[in-house]
Each structure stands twice: as structure tokens, then as C-alpha cells.
């Protein structure tokens, strides 16, 4: 008796699993409109029939073209820099060199040179490299929230070039012992007084980048895209890729879940098979 019950349960389980497999297989065999299975590449002929635009769609620029246009647009960028007050002559500068007798004249001369350096601006090497990467020539200098002036970024010192400037100037003064001055290690005390305002600069970059159009035109419904045997050019390739994107709805698919479509199709399949049985 128990064997018959077990056998019945096994048959029932096999039946349920079979039905589920049939439903799943049917679902995946359903035709879809969101399909653009044509194969194409630049320099190769179009092997299918003449293709007409099935709908209006935008032609998107290639990644290379977008990158090039954004780089060109960013040449107009003026990054934001913020200035801060830095002591012209760090009290530790000569205090750390007590074994060397620096006269007040030396100290005054160094203070004047550092004042010149800080008036132009000292920026960190990292920020200098960032400005060079952006390829900018000028920047907006801020003090607090107020615009002070536009400055030539190439004039800005780094701590090292500021030190080199002081030493170079010392070579022009006859009464300064250059070797003695170098024992003060002035470069260790020169700190940046200008830095990139990351928030404002990133906002400015975003505005410029977002201002570059992603598309280069439109194709109208019914417009001929490519003839059979026609060689695919870069321009045709972008049009075909844009059509593929429009037909398959890649962006919408990423942003919206198709769960309800799946559920609806499965329910319809189950109903149809139930009616058949």
C-alpha cells in the first residue's frame, strides 16, 4: 500500500516538473520584438536585405568621438582655486637652525622672498599635476566665497620651485653666502597657500561634460539605412548601433524591471496549456 502511495507521489512530482519545464521552454521560445540579431562591422559588406528605419531614432556618437569632444570642451574650463593665509616666515625656520648664526638681515631678506612667492601662490605638486592633466591655462582664485582674480596657473609655484626661486635670487645678491643659506633648508618650511576647490571644480567639469550632446542627429522612420552588399563605414556603423540600441531598448531595460511582463507571459502560457489539457 505504501509503495503504491509513494509511486503515485513520484508520478505526480514528475508530472508537475514536466509541466513546469514545458512552461519555461515555451516562454523562452516566444518571439520578441526587441531583437536586432544582425551582424555587422566596419569595412565589411551588409549581407542582409536593404534595411529601412523601422522607427524614428537618435544617432548616438561613438565613445571615441564623445571623449574627443569632451576633451576639447574642457579646454574652456577654469578650475576654482582657494587661497589661505600662510605665515611669510615660519617661526621654526631659523629656530631649527640655532647652530648657524643668521643675522636679521638674512632673515629679512628670506621673508621678503617668501612674501613674493606667496603673493603669486604656492600649490601642491599633486594639484599642479591635476591642473596639467586638465590642460587648463587659467583658474579662478577665491578667498572664502569671493572671487579675487583670474590667475595664470603656469605662474604658480610648487614648494620645490618656490625653494629654487629663493636660492636663485640669493645668487644675485653679493653679500649672501649661498652655502650658508642652504643650511636653513628653507624648502622644508614652504607650504602651499593655494589649492583646488574640488567641489566647485567638479561641478564646473560636470556642466561642461553634460553640455556635450550624446547624439549627432536623427534617422526618420522609413529612411534607408543601408543597401544589401554596401560596405559598412564608421558613420553607417554608428547608425546601425544606434538602431540596435533603440530596438533592444538597452537603457530602458537597465532602468526598468520586466518582471510584470515575465509574469504575464507565464500566466498566459499556463492558461493556454490548461485549456489544452
C-alpha atoms as a PDB file:
ATOM      1  CA  UNK A   1       0.000   0.000   0.000  1.00  0.00           C
ATOM      2  CA  UNK A   2       2.758   2.353   0.997  1.00  0.00           C
ATOM      3  CA  UNK A   3       4.590   1.504  -2.219  1.00  0.00           C
ATOM      4  CA  UNK A   4       1.569   2.497  -4.287  1.00  0.00           C
ATOM      5  CA  UNK A   5       1.239   5.822  -2.443  1.00  0.00           C
ATOM      6  CA  UNK A   6       4.949   6.519  -2.945  1.00  0.00           C
ATOM      7  CA  UNK A   7       4.708   5.605  -6.615  1.00  0.00           C
ATOM      8  CA  UNK A   8       1.721   7.918  -7.028  1.00  0.00           C
ATOM      9  CA  UNK A   9       3.630  10.799  -5.414  1.00  0.00           C
ATOM     10  CA  UNK A  10       6.601  10.190  -7.687  1.00  0.00           C
ATOM     11  CA  UNK A  11       4.361  10.209 -10.772  1.00  0.00           C
ATOM     12  CA  UNK A  12       2.682  13.386  -9.531  1.00  0.00           C
ATOM     13  CA  UNK A  13       6.072  15.023  -8.926  1.00  0.00           C
ATOM     14  CA  UNK A  14       7.299  14.025 -12.385  1.00  0.00           C
ATOM     15  CA  UNK A  15       4.089  15.434 -13.867  1.00  0.00           C
ATOM     16  CA  UNK A  16       4.491  18.776 -12.064  1.00  0.00           C
ATOM     17  CA  UNK A  17       8.146  19.071 -13.031  1.00  0.00           C
ATOM     18  CA  UNK A  18       7.336  18.211 -16.669  1.00  0.00           C
ATOM     19  CA  UNK A  19       4.629  20.869 -16.810  1.00  0.00           C
ATOM     20  CA  UNK A  20       6.989  23.474 -15.353  1.00  0.00           C
ATOM     21  CA  UNK A  21       9.692  22.562 -17.852  1.00  0.00           C
ATOM     22  CA  UNK A  22       7.229  22.840 -20.734  1.00  0.00           C
ATOM     23  CA  UNK A  23       6.041  26.262 -19.489  1.00  0.00           C
ATOM     24  CA  UNK A  24       9.622  27.530 -19.116  1.00  0.00           C
ATOM     25  CA  UNK A  25      10.656  26.181 -22.518  1.00  0.00           C
ATOM     26  CA  UNK A  26       7.626  27.760 -24.161  1.00  0.00           C
ATOM     27  CA  UNK A  27       8.348  31.104 -22.546  1.00  0.00           C
ATOM     28  CA  UNK A  28      11.878  31.214 -23.926  1.00  0.00           C
ATOM     29  CA  UNK A  29      10.658  30.159 -27.356  1.00  0.00           C
ATOM     30  CA  UNK A  30       8.219  33.057 -27.563  1.00  0.00           C
ATOM     31  CA  UNK A  31       9.166  35.542 -30.322  1.00  0.00           C
ATOM     32  CA  UNK A  32      10.182  39.002 -29.177  1.00  0.00           C
ATOM     33  CA  UNK A  33      10.193  42.317 -30.955  1.00  0.00           C
ATOM     34  CA  UNK A  34      13.231  43.511 -29.033  1.00  0.00           C
ATOM     35  CA  UNK A  35      15.700  41.711 -31.264  1.00  0.00           C
ATOM     36  CA  UNK A  36      18.332  43.039 -33.603  1.00  0.00           C
ATOM     37  CA  UNK A  37      20.429  39.995 -34.334  1.00  0.00           C
ATOM     38  CA  UNK A  38      22.133  41.320 -37.468  1.00  0.00           C
ATOM     39  CA  UNK A  39      25.910  41.005 -37.501  1.00  0.00           C
ATOM     40  CA  UNK A  40      27.875  43.926 -38.870  1.00  0.00           C
ATOM     41  CA  UNK A  41      31.292  45.533 -38.610  1.00  0.00           C
ATOM     42  CA  UNK A  42      33.199  48.403 -40.157  1.00  0.00           C
ATOM     43  CA  UNK A  43      34.755  47.608 -43.529  1.00  0.00           C
ATOM     44  CA  UNK A  44      32.546  44.563 -44.147  1.00  0.00           C
ATOM     45  CA  UNK A  45      29.568  44.444 -46.561  1.00  0.00           C
ATOM     46  CA  UNK A  46      25.976  44.366 -45.294  1.00  0.00           C
ATOM     47  CA  UNK A  47      24.881  40.773 -46.016  1.00  0.00           C
ATOM     48  CA  UNK A  48      21.171  41.247 -45.342  1.00  0.00           C
ATOM     49  CA  UNK A  49      18.372  42.798 -47.381  1.00  0.00           C
ATOM     50  CA  UNK A  50      18.035  46.545 -47.735  1.00  0.00           C
ATOM     51  CA  UNK A  51      17.399  47.984 -44.282  1.00  0.00           C
ATOM     52  CA  UNK A  52      14.869  50.755 -43.711  1.00  0.00           C
ATOM     53  CA  UNK A  53      14.433  52.550 -40.394  1.00  0.00           C
ATOM     54  CA  UNK A  54      11.516  50.860 -38.573  1.00  0.00           C
ATOM     55  CA  UNK A  55      11.065  53.890 -36.307  1.00  0.00           C
ATOM     56  CA  UNK A  56      12.456  57.339 -35.576  1.00  0.00           C
ATOM     57  CA  UNK A  57      15.667  57.083 -33.554  1.00  0.00           C
ATOM     58  CA  UNK A  58      18.594  59.223 -32.499  1.00  0.00           C
ATOM     59  CA  UNK A  59      22.098  58.525 -33.785  1.00  0.00           C
ATOM     60  CA  UNK A  60      24.487  58.297 -30.853  1.00  0.00           C
ATOM     61  CA  UNK A  61      28.096  59.384 -31.101  1.00  0.00           C
ATOM     62  CA  UNK A  62      30.847  56.821 -30.635  1.00  0.00           C
ATOM     63  CA  UNK A  63      32.716  56.680 -27.327  1.00  0.00           C
ATOM     64  CA  UNK A  64      35.839  57.929 -29.103  1.00  0.00           C
ATOM     65  CA  UNK A  65      34.025  60.927 -30.586  1.00  0.00           C
ATOM     66  CA  UNK A  66      32.421  61.785 -27.249  1.00  0.00           C
ATOM     67  CA  UNK A  67      35.761  61.569 -25.455  1.00  0.00           C
ATOM     68  CA  UNK A  68      37.390  63.813 -28.063  1.00  0.00           C
ATOM     69  CA  UNK A  69      34.584  66.416 -27.936  1.00  0.00           C
ATOM     70  CA  UNK A  70      34.562  66.446 -24.139  1.00  0.00           C
ATOM     71  CA  UNK A  71      38.339  66.896 -24.038  1.00  0.00           C
ATOM     72  CA  UNK A  72      38.010  69.790 -26.470  1.00  0.00           C
ATOM     73  CA  UNK A  73      35.204  71.359 -24.424  1.00  0.00           C
ATOM     74  CA  UNK A  74      37.217  71.029 -21.208  1.00  0.00           C
ATOM     75  CA  UNK A  75      39.869  73.333 -22.670  1.00  0.00           C
ATOM     76  CA  UNK A  76      37.474  76.145 -21.766  1.00  0.00           C
ATOM     77  CA  UNK A  77      37.405  75.021 -18.125  1.00  0.00           C
ATOM     78  CA  UNK A  78      38.567  77.474 -15.491  1.00  0.00           C
ATOM     79  CA  UNK A  79      39.027  75.471 -12.286  1.00  0.00           C
ATOM     80  CA  UNK A  80      38.459  77.082  -8.910  1.00  0.00           C
ATOM     81  CA  UNK A  81      41.327  77.596  -6.504  1.00  0.00           C
ATOM     82  CA  UNK A  82      41.084  78.715  -2.898  1.00  0.00           C
ATOM     83  CA  UNK A  83      43.804  80.667  -1.146  1.00  0.00           C
ATOM     84  CA  UNK A  84      44.727  80.564   2.507  1.00  0.00           C
ATOM     85  CA  UNK A  85      46.960  82.666   4.690  1.00  0.00           C
ATOM     86  CA  UNK A  86      50.418  81.245   5.319  1.00  0.00           C
ATOM     87  CA  UNK A  87      52.973  82.765   7.652  1.00  0.00           C
ATOM     88  CA  UNK A  88      55.537  84.523   5.499  1.00  0.00           C
ATOM     89  CA  UNK A  89      58.352  83.352   7.715  1.00  0.00           C
ATOM     90  CA  UNK A  90      57.707  80.292   9.808  1.00  0.00           C
ATOM     91  CA  UNK A  91      58.960  80.909  13.329  1.00  0.00           C
ATOM     92  CA  UNK A  92      60.599  77.487  13.240  1.00  0.00           C
ATOM     93  CA  UNK A  93      62.617  78.287  10.115  1.00  0.00           C
ATOM     94  CA  UNK A  94      65.634  79.710  11.914  1.00  0.00           C
ATOM     95  CA  UNK A  95      64.774  78.343  15.334  1.00  0.00           C
ATOM     96  CA  UNK A  96      65.580  74.881  13.962  1.00  0.00           C
ATOM     97  CA  UNK A  97      68.959  76.185  12.801  1.00  0.00           C
ATOM     98  CA  UNK A  98      70.254  77.708  16.038  1.00  0.00           C
ATOM     99  CA  UNK A  99      73.697  76.259  15.426  1.00  0.00           C
ATOM    100  CA  UNK A 100      74.028  78.668  12.467  1.00  0.00           C
ATOM    101  CA  UNK A 101      74.127  82.394  13.149  1.00  0.00           C
ATOM    102  CA  UNK A 102      71.687  84.015  10.722  1.00  0.00           C
ATOM    103  CA  UNK A 103      71.649  87.779  11.010  1.00  0.00           C
ATOM    104  CA  UNK A 104      68.448  89.826  10.972  1.00  0.00           C
ATOM    105  CA  UNK A 105      69.449  90.952   7.502  1.00  0.00           C
ATOM    106  CA  UNK A 106      69.378  87.340   6.293  1.00  0.00           C
ATOM    107  CA  UNK A 107      66.032  86.735   7.953  1.00  0.00           C
ATOM    108  CA  UNK A 108      64.517  89.880   6.483  1.00  0.00           C
ATOM    109  CA  UNK A 109      65.762  89.024   3.013  1.00  0.00           C
ATOM    110  CA  UNK A 110      64.316  85.484   3.175  1.00  0.00           C
ATOM    111  CA  UNK A 111      60.998  86.866   4.488  1.00  0.00           C
ATOM    112  CA  UNK A 112      60.774  89.248   1.518  1.00  0.00           C
ATOM    113  CA  UNK A 113      61.435  86.423  -0.967  1.00  0.00           C
ATOM    114  CA  UNK A 114      58.848  84.170   0.651  1.00  0.00           C
ATOM    115  CA  UNK A 115      56.359  87.040   0.579  1.00  0.00           C
ATOM    116  CA  UNK A 116      56.917  87.314  -3.177  1.00  0.00           C
ATOM    117  CA  UNK A 117      56.382  83.576  -3.557  1.00  0.00           C
ATOM    118  CA  UNK A 118      53.161  83.508  -1.556  1.00  0.00           C
ATOM    119  CA  UNK A 119      51.754  86.560  -3.348  1.00  0.00           C
ATOM    120  CA  UNK A 120      51.993  84.632  -6.620  1.00  0.00           C
ATOM    121  CA  UNK A 121      50.804  81.410  -4.973  1.00  0.00           C
ATOM    122  CA  UNK A 122      52.212  78.046  -3.938  1.00  0.00           C
ATOM    123  CA  UNK A 123      50.303  74.906  -4.926  1.00  0.00           C
ATOM    124  CA  UNK A 124      50.997  71.290  -4.044  1.00  0.00           C
ATOM    125  CA  UNK A 125      52.678  69.066  -6.623  1.00  0.00           C
ATOM    126  CA  UNK A 126      49.560  66.862  -6.719  1.00  0.00           C
ATOM    127  CA  UNK A 127      47.289  69.816  -7.538  1.00  0.00           C
ATOM    128  CA  UNK A 128      49.796  71.086 -10.099  1.00  0.00           C
ATOM    129  CA  UNK A 129      49.719  67.711 -11.869  1.00  0.00           C
ATOM    130  CA  UNK A 130      45.907  67.734 -11.785  1.00  0.00           C
ATOM    131  CA  UNK A 131      45.823  71.147 -13.479  1.00  0.00           C
ATOM    132  CA  UNK A 132      48.272  69.920 -16.115  1.00  0.00           C
ATOM    133  CA  UNK A 133      46.112  66.840 -16.736  1.00  0.00           C
ATOM    134  CA  UNK A 134      43.097  69.080 -17.300  1.00  0.00           C
ATOM    135  CA  UNK A 135      45.155  71.156 -19.731  1.00  0.00           C
ATOM    136  CA  UNK A 136      43.934  74.489 -18.357  1.00  0.00           C
ATOM    137  CA  UNK A 137      45.798  77.780 -18.658  1.00  0.00           C
ATOM    138  CA  UNK A 138      43.887  79.942 -16.182  1.00  0.00           C
ATOM    139  CA  UNK A 139      41.916  79.497 -12.976  1.00  0.00           C
ATOM    140  CA  UNK A 140      39.557  81.461 -10.761  1.00  0.00           C
ATOM    141  CA  UNK A 141      41.090  82.323  -7.397  1.00  0.00           C
ATOM    142  CA  UNK A 142      38.731  82.507  -4.427  1.00  0.00           C
ATOM    143  CA  UNK A 143      39.097  83.828  -0.920  1.00  0.00           C
ATOM    144  CA  UNK A 144      36.239  82.380   1.027  1.00  0.00           C
ATOM    145  CA  UNK A 145      33.272  82.666  -1.342  1.00  0.00           C
ATOM    146  CA  UNK A 146      34.568  85.768  -3.122  1.00  0.00           C
ATOM    147  CA  UNK A 147      36.292  85.778  -6.490  1.00  0.00           C
ATOM    148  CA  UNK A 148      39.621  87.561  -6.147  1.00  0.00           C
ATOM    149  CA  UNK A 149      41.039  87.294  -9.657  1.00  0.00           C
ATOM    150  CA  UNK A 150      41.794  85.053 -12.586  1.00  0.00           C
ATOM    151  CA  UNK A 151      45.342  83.767 -12.496  1.00  0.00           C
ATOM    152  CA  UNK A 152      47.758  82.106 -14.895  1.00  0.00           C
ATOM    153  CA  UNK A 153      48.233  78.618 -13.446  1.00  0.00           C
ATOM    154  CA  UNK A 154      51.678  78.313 -15.037  1.00  0.00           C
ATOM    155  CA  UNK A 155      52.955  81.071 -12.741  1.00  0.00           C
ATOM    156  CA  UNK A 156      52.043  79.169  -9.587  1.00  0.00           C
ATOM    157  CA  UNK A 157      54.931  77.741  -7.602  1.00  0.00           C
ATOM    158  CA  UNK A 158      55.189  74.289  -6.116  1.00  0.00           C
ATOM    159  CA  UNK A 159      57.118  74.050  -2.805  1.00  0.00           C
ATOM    160  CA  UNK A 160      60.170  72.876  -4.755  1.00  0.00           C
ATOM    161  CA  UNK A 161      60.063  75.588  -7.438  1.00  0.00           C
ATOM    162  CA  UNK A 162      59.462  78.175  -4.687  1.00  0.00           C
ATOM    163  CA  UNK A 163      62.619  76.992  -2.942  1.00  0.00           C
ATOM    164  CA  UNK A 164      64.532  77.075  -6.241  1.00  0.00           C
ATOM    165  CA  UNK A 165      63.287  80.642  -6.752  1.00  0.00           C
ATOM    166  CA  UNK A 166      64.650  81.773  -3.364  1.00  0.00           C
ATOM    167  CA  UNK A 167      68.036  80.142  -3.967  1.00  0.00           C
ATOM    168  CA  UNK A 168      68.210  81.584  -7.496  1.00  0.00           C
ATOM    169  CA  UNK A 169      67.524  85.061  -6.107  1.00  0.00           C
ATOM    170  CA  UNK A 170      70.202  84.600  -3.470  1.00  0.00           C
ATOM    171  CA  UNK A 171      72.747  84.090  -6.237  1.00  0.00           C
ATOM    172  CA  UNK A 172      72.017  87.642  -7.398  1.00  0.00           C
ATOM    173  CA  UNK A 173      72.938  89.162  -4.006  1.00  0.00           C
ATOM    174  CA  UNK A 174      76.643  89.538  -3.336  1.00  0.00           C
ATOM    175  CA  UNK A 175      76.507  89.661   0.465  1.00  0.00           C
ATOM    176  CA  UNK A 176      74.560  86.398   0.833  1.00  0.00           C
ATOM    177  CA  UNK A 177      76.557  83.253   1.432  1.00  0.00           C
ATOM    178  CA  UNK A 178      74.572  80.787  -0.668  1.00  0.00           C
ATOM    179  CA  UNK A 179      76.008  77.734   1.067  1.00  0.00           C
ATOM    180  CA  UNK A 180      75.125  79.181   4.465  1.00  0.00           C
ATOM    181  CA  UNK A 181      71.574  79.966   3.324  1.00  0.00           C
ATOM    182  CA  UNK A 182      71.065  76.427   2.085  1.00  0.00           C
ATOM    183  CA  UNK A 183      71.786  75.046   5.543  1.00  0.00           C
ATOM    184  CA  UNK A 184      68.450  76.561   6.665  1.00  0.00           C
ATOM    185  CA  UNK A 185      66.564  74.023   4.483  1.00  0.00           C
ATOM    186  CA  UNK A 186      64.034  76.673   3.512  1.00  0.00           C
ATOM    187  CA  UNK A 187      62.192  74.196   1.280  1.00  0.00           C
ATOM    188  CA  UNK A 188      61.079  72.195   4.330  1.00  0.00           C
ATOM    189  CA  UNK A 189      59.098  75.200   5.564  1.00  0.00           C
ATOM    190  CA  UNK A 190      57.397  76.338   2.359  1.00  0.00           C
ATOM    191  CA  UNK A 191      53.750  75.247   2.459  1.00  0.00           C
ATOM    192  CA  UNK A 192      51.040  75.552  -0.234  1.00  0.00           C
ATOM    193  CA  UNK A 193      48.727  78.534   0.197  1.00  0.00           C
ATOM    194  CA  UNK A 194      46.589  77.716  -2.859  1.00  0.00           C
ATOM    195  CA  UNK A 195      44.634  74.531  -3.509  1.00  0.00           C
ATOM    196  CA  UNK A 196      41.967  73.269  -5.911  1.00  0.00           C
ATOM    197  CA  UNK A 197      38.391  73.706  -4.727  1.00  0.00           C
ATOM    198  CA  UNK A 198      37.315  70.169  -5.617  1.00  0.00           C
ATOM    199  CA  UNK A 199      33.574  70.714  -5.198  1.00  0.00           C
ATOM    200  CA  UNK A 200      33.313  73.831  -7.369  1.00  0.00           C
ATOM    201  CA  UNK A 201      35.755  72.488  -9.955  1.00  0.00           C
ATOM    202  CA  UNK A 202      33.964  69.120 -10.222  1.00  0.00           C
ATOM    203  CA  UNK A 203      30.653  70.963 -10.660  1.00  0.00           C
ATOM    204  CA  UNK A 204      32.186  73.080 -13.434  1.00  0.00           C
ATOM    205  CA  UNK A 205      33.560  69.955 -15.147  1.00  0.00           C
ATOM    206  CA  UNK A 206      30.159  68.238 -14.931  1.00  0.00           C
ATOM    207  CA  UNK A 207      28.411  71.231 -16.505  1.00  0.00           C
ATOM    208  CA  UNK A 208      30.870  71.232 -19.425  1.00  0.00           C
ATOM    209  CA  UNK A 209      30.774  67.442 -19.933  1.00  0.00           C
ATOM    210  CA  UNK A 210      26.971  67.304 -19.711  1.00  0.00           C
ATOM    211  CA  UNK A 211      26.805  70.113 -22.258  1.00  0.00           C
ATOM    212  CA  UNK A 212      28.317  67.877 -24.945  1.00  0.00           C
ATOM    213  CA  UNK A 213      25.475  66.297 -26.946  1.00  0.00           C
ATOM    214  CA  UNK A 214      25.356  62.498 -26.886  1.00  0.00           C
ATOM    215  CA  UNK A 215      23.707  62.340 -30.293  1.00  0.00           C
ATOM    216  CA  UNK A 216      24.642  63.692 -33.722  1.00  0.00           C
ATOM    217  CA  UNK A 217      21.261  63.634 -35.434  1.00  0.00           C
ATOM    218  CA  UNK A 218      18.075  61.689 -36.118  1.00  0.00           C
ATOM    219  CA  UNK A 219      17.002  58.988 -38.571  1.00  0.00           C
ATOM    220  CA  UNK A 220      13.375  59.169 -39.652  1.00  0.00           C
ATOM    221  CA  UNK A 221      11.070  56.150 -39.931  1.00  0.00           C
ATOM    222  CA  UNK A 222      11.180  54.725 -43.464  1.00  0.00           C
ATOM    223  CA  UNK A 223      14.575  56.264 -44.230  1.00  0.00           C
ATOM    224  CA  UNK A 224      17.008  53.917 -45.959  1.00  0.00           C
ATOM    225  CA  UNK A 225      19.893  52.965 -43.708  1.00  0.00           C
ATOM    226  CA  UNK A 226      21.963  50.518 -45.761  1.00  0.00           C
ATOM    227  CA  UNK A 227      21.703  48.534 -49.016  1.00  0.00           C
ATOM    228  CA  UNK A 228      22.491  44.863 -49.366  1.00  0.00           C
ATOM    229  CA  UNK A 229      26.200  44.464 -50.152  1.00  0.00           C
ATOM    230  CA  UNK A 230      27.039  48.027 -49.096  1.00  0.00           C
ATOM    231  CA  UNK A 231      30.314  48.324 -47.164  1.00  0.00           C
ATOM    232  CA  UNK A 232      29.791  49.488 -43.577  1.00  0.00           C
ATOM    233  CA  UNK A 233      31.532  52.805 -42.933  1.00  0.00           C
ATOM    234  CA  UNK A 234      32.154  54.317 -39.489  1.00  0.00           C
ATOM    235  CA  UNK A 235      29.108  56.538 -39.980  1.00  0.00           C
ATOM    236  CA  UNK A 236      26.856  53.618 -41.031  1.00  0.00           C
ATOM    237  CA  UNK A 237      28.185  51.573 -38.127  1.00  0.00           C
ATOM    238  CA  UNK A 238      27.121  54.236 -35.616  1.00  0.00           C
ATOM    239  CA  UNK A 239      23.670  54.448 -37.222  1.00  0.00           C
ATOM    240  CA  UNK A 240      23.271  50.671 -37.013  1.00  0.00           C
ATOM    241  CA  UNK A 241      24.474  50.592 -33.403  1.00  0.00           C
ATOM    242  CA  UNK A 242      22.021  53.365 -32.565  1.00  0.00           C
ATOM    243  CA  UNK A 243      19.195  51.420 -34.220  1.00  0.00           C
ATOM    244  CA  UNK A 244      20.195  48.335 -32.267  1.00  0.00           C
ATOM    245  CA  UNK A 245      20.120  50.379 -29.086  1.00  0.00           C
ATOM    246  CA  UNK A 246      16.701  51.798 -29.923  1.00  0.00           C
ATOM    247  CA  UNK A 247      15.182  48.442 -30.887  1.00  0.00           C
ATOM    248  CA  UNK A 248      16.546  46.473 -27.973  1.00  0.00           C
ATOM    249  CA  UNK A 249      15.844  49.272 -25.534  1.00  0.00           C
ATOM    250  CA  UNK A 250      19.050  48.756 -23.606  1.00  0.00           C
ATOM    251  CA  UNK A 251      18.708  51.852 -21.495  1.00  0.00           C
ATOM    252  CA  UNK A 252      15.078  51.203 -20.586  1.00  0.00           C
ATOM    253  CA  UNK A 253      15.885  47.600 -19.804  1.00  0.00           C
ATOM    254  CA  UNK A 254      18.544  48.680 -17.335  1.00  0.00           C
ATOM    255  CA  UNK A 255      16.290  51.223 -15.659  1.00  0.00           C
ATOM    256  CA  UNK A 256      13.001  49.283 -15.530  1.00  0.00           C
ATOM    257  CA  UNK A 257      12.294  45.756 -14.385  1.00  0.00           C
ATOM    258  CA  UNK A 258      10.487  43.489 -16.835  1.00  0.00           C
ATOM    259  CA  UNK A 259       9.145  41.314 -14.007  1.00  0.00           C
ATOM    260  CA  UNK A 260       5.489  42.012 -14.746  1.00  0.00           C
ATOM    261  CA  UNK A 261       5.956  41.181 -18.448  1.00  0.00           C
ATOM    262  CA  UNK A 262       7.530  37.855 -17.491  1.00  0.00           C
ATOM    263  CA  UNK A 263       4.747  37.051 -15.013  1.00  0.00           C
ATOM    264  CA  UNK A 264       2.066  37.979 -17.564  1.00  0.00           C
ATOM    265  CA  UNK A 265       3.556  35.769 -20.269  1.00  0.00           C
ATOM    266  CA  UNK A 266       3.935  32.813 -17.897  1.00  0.00           C
ATOM    267  CA  UNK A 267       0.309  33.158 -16.722  1.00  0.00           C
ATOM    268  CA  UNK A 268      -0.904  33.231 -20.356  1.00  0.00           C
ATOM    269  CA  UNK A 269       1.130  30.099 -21.167  1.00  0.00           C
ATOM    270  CA  UNK A 270      -0.252  28.272 -18.126  1.00  0.00           C
ATOM    271  CA  UNK A 271      -3.834  29.217 -19.075  1.00  0.00           C
ATOM    272  CA  UNK A 272      -3.361  28.050 -22.666  1.00  0.00           C
ATOM    273  CA  UNK A 273      -1.896  24.700 -21.592  1.00  0.00           C
ATOM    274  CA  UNK A 274      -4.687  24.285 -19.024  1.00  0.00           C
ATOM    275  CA  UNK A 275      -7.292  24.790 -21.774  1.00  0.00           C
ATOM    276  CA  UNK A 276      -5.428  22.304 -23.974  1.00  0.00           C
ATOM    277  CA  UNK A 277      -5.430  19.632 -21.284  1.00  0.00           C
END
